[in-house]
């Protein structure tokens, strides 16, 4: 993803160390660092950059089968688990930030084969199922419109096609 100055930021899984890595170009030099090096993390990474240039990353913890989230607060990296036990979750994450720089994340719940959506409302994380139709939610891509409503494109494995879903302020519609 590009920041407001047009500089690239990249989140990726390092298969050798099984860690979440982050790289960015400041206009002159590339820098990279390890964000989370707990056992087998960083797959399905998605990145967004806030209006003040701070990166936010959603990703999967393969060992614990959890959805994780990390962000830079201006001085240090903070990471947390958002969903998991007893479910197998966190694949196919996609992250976007709203106008208040609050994260919104879509991800696949492998246990129930559903597309999930979570967001931080300023006080707590809210979670909902976008589609309860079996075998949907892989390869999701999230976009927030100017009103902060989510639009998600995802794969329906049962019908073998793409589905577009949007939030109208009350419910998710496909």
C-alpha atoms as a PDB file:
ATOM      1  CA  UNK A   1       0.000   0.000   0.000  1.00  0.00           C
ATOM      2  CA  UNK A   2       1.165   3.572  -0.598  1.00  0.00           C
ATOM      3  CA  UNK A   3       1.130   6.231   2.109  1.00  0.00           C
ATOM      4  CA  UNK A   4       0.006   9.830   1.480  1.00  0.00           C
ATOM      5  CA  UNK A   5       3.514  10.684   0.207  1.00  0.00           C
ATOM      6  CA  UNK A   6       3.420   7.824  -2.303  1.00  0.00           C
ATOM      7  CA  UNK A   7       5.911   5.659  -0.400  1.00  0.00           C
ATOM      8  CA  UNK A   8       5.284   1.892  -0.399  1.00  0.00           C
ATOM      9  CA  UNK A   9       4.632  -0.151   2.758  1.00  0.00           C
ATOM     10  CA  UNK A  10       4.651  -3.949   2.596  1.00  0.00           C
ATOM     11  CA  UNK A  11       3.596  -6.611   5.119  1.00  0.00           C
ATOM     12  CA  UNK A  12       4.678 -10.172   4.440  1.00  0.00           C
ATOM     13  CA  UNK A  13       5.282 -13.618   5.883  1.00  0.00           C
ATOM     14  CA  UNK A  14       8.921 -14.685   6.095  1.00  0.00           C
ATOM     15  CA  UNK A  15       8.748 -18.437   5.478  1.00  0.00           C
ATOM     16  CA  UNK A  16      12.306 -19.034   6.711  1.00  0.00           C
ATOM     17  CA  UNK A  17      11.706 -17.568  10.174  1.00  0.00           C
ATOM     18  CA  UNK A  18       7.887 -18.062  10.166  1.00  0.00           C
ATOM     19  CA  UNK A  19       7.440 -14.433  11.197  1.00  0.00           C
ATOM     20  CA  UNK A  20       5.514 -11.323  10.189  1.00  0.00           C
ATOM     21  CA  UNK A  21       7.771  -8.779   8.496  1.00  0.00           C
ATOM     22  CA  UNK A  22       7.222  -5.170   7.502  1.00  0.00           C
ATOM     23  CA  UNK A  23       9.130  -3.132   4.914  1.00  0.00           C
ATOM     24  CA  UNK A  24       8.776   0.474   3.798  1.00  0.00           C
ATOM     25  CA  UNK A  25      10.513   2.996   1.582  1.00  0.00           C
ATOM     26  CA  UNK A  26      10.946   6.494   3.035  1.00  0.00           C
ATOM     27  CA  UNK A  27      11.791   8.127  -0.291  1.00  0.00           C
ATOM     28  CA  UNK A  28      15.508   7.409   0.025  1.00  0.00           C
ATOM     29  CA  UNK A  29      16.031   4.099   1.815  1.00  0.00           C
ATOM     30  CA  UNK A  30      14.233   0.811   2.336  1.00  0.00           C
ATOM     31  CA  UNK A  31      13.831  -0.407   5.905  1.00  0.00           C
ATOM     32  CA  UNK A  32      12.477  -3.724   7.077  1.00  0.00           C
ATOM     33  CA  UNK A  33      11.782  -5.226  10.455  1.00  0.00           C
ATOM     34  CA  UNK A  34      10.217  -8.180  12.199  1.00  0.00           C
ATOM     35  CA  UNK A  35       6.864  -7.289  13.769  1.00  0.00           C
ATOM     36  CA  UNK A  36       5.837 -10.635  15.264  1.00  0.00           C
ATOM     37  CA  UNK A  37       8.197 -13.590  15.568  1.00  0.00           C
ATOM     38  CA  UNK A  38       6.068 -15.907  17.668  1.00  0.00           C
ATOM     39  CA  UNK A  39       5.795 -19.382  16.184  1.00  0.00           C
ATOM     40  CA  UNK A  40       4.393 -19.523  12.619  1.00  0.00           C
ATOM     41  CA  UNK A  41       2.734 -16.120  12.166  1.00  0.00           C
ATOM     42  CA  UNK A  42       2.305 -13.649   9.318  1.00  0.00           C
ATOM     43  CA  UNK A  43       0.475 -15.590   6.645  1.00  0.00           C
ATOM     44  CA  UNK A  44      -2.436 -13.909   4.864  1.00  0.00           C
ATOM     45  CA  UNK A  45      -1.027 -10.472   5.773  1.00  0.00           C
ATOM     46  CA  UNK A  46      -2.876  -7.329   4.705  1.00  0.00           C
ATOM     47  CA  UNK A  47      -1.716  -3.763   5.342  1.00  0.00           C
ATOM     48  CA  UNK A  48      -3.209  -0.278   5.528  1.00  0.00           C
ATOM     49  CA  UNK A  49      -1.521   3.010   6.440  1.00  0.00           C
ATOM     50  CA  UNK A  50      -3.229   5.670   8.554  1.00  0.00           C
ATOM     51  CA  UNK A  51      -3.401   9.343   7.603  1.00  0.00           C
ATOM     52  CA  UNK A  52      -0.455   9.998   9.946  1.00  0.00           C
ATOM     53  CA  UNK A  53       1.653   7.311   8.226  1.00  0.00           C
ATOM     54  CA  UNK A  54       1.328   4.527  10.808  1.00  0.00           C
ATOM     55  CA  UNK A  55       0.939   0.988   9.437  1.00  0.00           C
ATOM     56  CA  UNK A  56      -1.824  -1.408  10.517  1.00  0.00           C
ATOM     57  CA  UNK A  57      -1.536  -5.108   9.629  1.00  0.00           C
ATOM     58  CA  UNK A  58      -3.986  -8.010   9.864  1.00  0.00           C
ATOM     59  CA  UNK A  59      -2.549 -11.520   9.610  1.00  0.00           C
ATOM     60  CA  UNK A  60      -2.885 -15.147  10.637  1.00  0.00           C
ATOM     61  CA  UNK A  61      -1.257 -17.033  13.484  1.00  0.00           C
ATOM     62  CA  UNK A  62      -0.973 -20.495  11.925  1.00  0.00           C
ATOM     63  CA  UNK A  63       0.094 -22.284  15.111  1.00  0.00           C
ATOM     64  CA  UNK A  64      -2.895 -21.127  17.158  1.00  0.00           C
ATOM     65  CA  UNK A  65      -5.247 -20.714  14.144  1.00  0.00           C
ATOM     66  CA  UNK A  66      -6.069 -17.120  15.167  1.00  0.00           C
ATOM     67  CA  UNK A  67      -6.655 -13.759  13.538  1.00  0.00           C
ATOM     68  CA  UNK A  68      -4.029 -11.264  14.693  1.00  0.00           C
ATOM     69  CA  UNK A  69      -3.640  -7.517  14.298  1.00  0.00           C
ATOM     70  CA  UNK A  70      -0.568  -5.306  14.734  1.00  0.00           C
ATOM     71  CA  UNK A  71      -0.167  -1.560  14.441  1.00  0.00           C
ATOM     72  CA  UNK A  72       2.470   1.084  15.004  1.00  0.00           C
ATOM     73  CA  UNK A  73       1.274   3.699  17.507  1.00  0.00           C
ATOM     74  CA  UNK A  74       3.964   6.263  16.650  1.00  0.00           C
ATOM     75  CA  UNK A  75       6.602   4.902  19.017  1.00  0.00           C
ATOM     76  CA  UNK A  76       6.210   1.105  19.192  1.00  0.00           C
ATOM     77  CA  UNK A  77       4.458  -1.879  17.635  1.00  0.00           C
ATOM     78  CA  UNK A  78       1.449  -3.364  19.390  1.00  0.00           C
ATOM     79  CA  UNK A  79       0.024  -6.750  18.416  1.00  0.00           C
ATOM     80  CA  UNK A  80      -3.039  -8.635  19.613  1.00  0.00           C
ATOM     81  CA  UNK A  81      -5.223 -11.633  18.885  1.00  0.00           C
ATOM     82  CA  UNK A  82      -8.704 -10.650  17.676  1.00  0.00           C
ATOM     83  CA  UNK A  83     -10.412 -13.995  17.107  1.00  0.00           C
ATOM     84  CA  UNK A  84      -9.660 -17.671  17.451  1.00  0.00           C
ATOM     85  CA  UNK A  85     -10.181 -20.414  20.000  1.00  0.00           C
ATOM     86  CA  UNK A  86     -12.267 -22.502  19.655  1.00  0.00           C
ATOM     87  CA  UNK A  87     -12.492 -21.566  15.966  1.00  0.00           C
ATOM     88  CA  UNK A  88      -9.989 -21.903  13.153  1.00  0.00           C
ATOM     89  CA  UNK A  89      -9.839 -18.375  11.718  1.00  0.00           C
ATOM     90  CA  UNK A  90      -7.624 -15.717  10.185  1.00  0.00           C
ATOM     91  CA  UNK A  91      -7.165 -16.814   6.615  1.00  0.00           C
ATOM     92  CA  UNK A  92      -7.667 -14.375   3.721  1.00  0.00           C
ATOM     93  CA  UNK A  93      -7.536 -11.207   5.814  1.00  0.00           C
ATOM     94  CA  UNK A  94      -8.150  -7.792   4.308  1.00  0.00           C
ATOM     95  CA  UNK A  95      -7.781  -4.562   6.294  1.00  0.00           C
ATOM     96  CA  UNK A  96      -8.973  -1.003   5.690  1.00  0.00           C
ATOM     97  CA  UNK A  97      -8.988   2.102   7.881  1.00  0.00           C
ATOM     98  CA  UNK A  98     -11.949   4.445   8.203  1.00  0.00           C
ATOM     99  CA  UNK A  99     -11.767   8.271   8.281  1.00  0.00           C
ATOM    100  CA  UNK A 100     -10.916   8.109  12.016  1.00  0.00           C
ATOM    101  CA  UNK A 101      -8.057   5.649  11.295  1.00  0.00           C
ATOM    102  CA  UNK A 102      -9.949   2.815  12.977  1.00  0.00           C
ATOM    103  CA  UNK A 103      -9.289  -0.669  11.566  1.00  0.00           C
ATOM    104  CA  UNK A 104     -11.896  -2.810   9.801  1.00  0.00           C
ATOM    105  CA  UNK A 105     -10.893  -6.385   8.945  1.00  0.00           C
ATOM    106  CA  UNK A 106     -12.479  -9.197   6.966  1.00  0.00           C
ATOM    107  CA  UNK A 107     -11.296 -12.785   7.322  1.00  0.00           C
ATOM    108  CA  UNK A 108     -12.335 -16.364   6.757  1.00  0.00           C
ATOM    109  CA  UNK A 109     -13.678 -18.593   9.543  1.00  0.00           C
ATOM    110  CA  UNK A 110     -12.576 -22.037   8.415  1.00  0.00           C
ATOM    111  CA  UNK A 111     -14.528 -23.820  11.177  1.00  0.00           C
ATOM    112  CA  UNK A 112     -17.904 -22.522   9.989  1.00  0.00           C
ATOM    113  CA  UNK A 113     -16.801 -21.726   6.398  1.00  0.00           C
ATOM    114  CA  UNK A 114     -18.084 -18.146   6.746  1.00  0.00           C
ATOM    115  CA  UNK A 115     -16.866 -14.654   5.915  1.00  0.00           C
ATOM    116  CA  UNK A 116     -16.326 -12.601   9.077  1.00  0.00           C
ATOM    117  CA  UNK A 117     -15.973  -8.853   9.670  1.00  0.00           C
ATOM    118  CA  UNK A 118     -14.537  -7.112  12.717  1.00  0.00           C
ATOM    119  CA  UNK A 119     -13.875  -3.452  13.424  1.00  0.00           C
ATOM    120  CA  UNK A 120     -12.723  -1.233  16.265  1.00  0.00           C
ATOM    121  CA  UNK A 121     -15.412   1.310  17.182  1.00  0.00           C
ATOM    122  CA  UNK A 122     -13.130   3.436  19.388  1.00  0.00           C
ATOM    123  CA  UNK A 123     -13.895   1.515  22.579  1.00  0.00           C
ATOM    124  CA  UNK A 124     -14.039  -2.159  21.673  1.00  0.00           C
ATOM    125  CA  UNK A 125     -13.887  -4.633  18.810  1.00  0.00           C
ATOM    126  CA  UNK A 126     -17.199  -5.585  17.195  1.00  0.00           C
ATOM    127  CA  UNK A 127     -17.521  -8.814  15.210  1.00  0.00           C
ATOM    128  CA  UNK A 128     -20.185 -10.062  12.815  1.00  0.00           C
ATOM    129  CA  UNK A 129     -20.695 -12.728  10.190  1.00  0.00           C
ATOM    130  CA  UNK A 130     -21.055 -11.192   6.720  1.00  0.00           C
ATOM    131  CA  UNK A 131     -22.300 -14.294   4.977  1.00  0.00           C
ATOM    132  CA  UNK A 132     -23.542 -17.479   6.585  1.00  0.00           C
ATOM    133  CA  UNK A 133     -23.814 -19.305   3.306  1.00  0.00           C
ATOM    134  CA  UNK A 134     -21.521 -22.297   3.600  1.00  0.00           C
ATOM    135  CA  UNK A 135     -18.061 -22.125   1.948  1.00  0.00           C
ATOM    136  CA  UNK A 136     -17.821 -18.364   1.393  1.00  0.00           C
ATOM    137  CA  UNK A 137     -15.237 -15.773   2.338  1.00  0.00           C
ATOM    138  CA  UNK A 138     -11.990 -16.928   0.826  1.00  0.00           C
ATOM    139  CA  UNK A 139      -9.877 -14.386  -1.066  1.00  0.00           C
ATOM    140  CA  UNK A 140     -11.771 -11.414   0.403  1.00  0.00           C
ATOM    141  CA  UNK A 141     -10.946  -7.816  -0.418  1.00  0.00           C
ATOM    142  CA  UNK A 142     -12.339  -4.993   1.733  1.00  0.00           C
ATOM    143  CA  UNK A 143     -13.004  -1.388   0.749  1.00  0.00           C
ATOM    144  CA  UNK A 144     -14.602   1.343   2.903  1.00  0.00           C
ATOM    145  CA  UNK A 145     -16.650   4.012   1.142  1.00  0.00           C
ATOM    146  CA  UNK A 146     -16.751   7.701   2.124  1.00  0.00           C
ATOM    147  CA  UNK A 147     -19.450   6.959   4.718  1.00  0.00           C
ATOM    148  CA  UNK A 148     -17.275   4.252   6.314  1.00  0.00           C
ATOM    149  CA  UNK A 149     -19.457   1.391   5.104  1.00  0.00           C
ATOM    150  CA  UNK A 150     -17.743  -1.802   4.053  1.00  0.00           C
ATOM    151  CA  UNK A 151     -17.778  -3.328   0.583  1.00  0.00           C
ATOM    152  CA  UNK A 152     -16.306  -6.803   0.263  1.00  0.00           C
ATOM    153  CA  UNK A 153     -15.568  -8.921  -2.761  1.00  0.00           C
ATOM    154  CA  UNK A 154     -15.017 -12.596  -1.947  1.00  0.00           C
ATOM    155  CA  UNK A 155     -15.062 -16.121  -3.357  1.00  0.00           C
ATOM    156  CA  UNK A 156     -18.046 -18.453  -3.011  1.00  0.00           C
ATOM    157  CA  UNK A 157     -16.569 -21.935  -3.141  1.00  0.00           C
ATOM    158  CA  UNK A 158     -19.975 -23.637  -3.435  1.00  0.00           C
ATOM    159  CA  UNK A 159     -20.954 -21.785  -6.630  1.00  0.00           C
ATOM    160  CA  UNK A 160     -17.370 -21.168  -7.802  1.00  0.00           C
ATOM    161  CA  UNK A 161     -17.876 -17.425  -8.379  1.00  0.00           C
ATOM    162  CA  UNK A 162     -17.148 -13.999  -6.883  1.00  0.00           C
ATOM    163  CA  UNK A 163     -19.687 -12.261  -4.673  1.00  0.00           C
ATOM    164  CA  UNK A 164     -19.832  -8.594  -3.761  1.00  0.00           C
ATOM    165  CA  UNK A 165     -21.357  -7.649  -0.443  1.00  0.00           C
ATOM    166  CA  UNK A 166     -21.909  -4.245   1.121  1.00  0.00           C
ATOM    167  CA  UNK A 167     -23.059  -2.862   4.440  1.00  0.00           C
ATOM    168  CA  UNK A 168     -25.985  -0.446   4.197  1.00  0.00           C
ATOM    169  CA  UNK A 169     -25.776   0.824   7.784  1.00  0.00           C
ATOM    170  CA  UNK A 170     -27.961  -1.951   9.168  1.00  0.00           C
ATOM    171  CA  UNK A 171     -27.194  -5.274   7.468  1.00  0.00           C
ATOM    172  CA  UNK A 172     -24.768  -6.861   5.002  1.00  0.00           C
ATOM    173  CA  UNK A 173     -26.300  -7.384   1.554  1.00  0.00           C
ATOM    174  CA  UNK A 174     -24.995  -9.480  -1.330  1.00  0.00           C
END
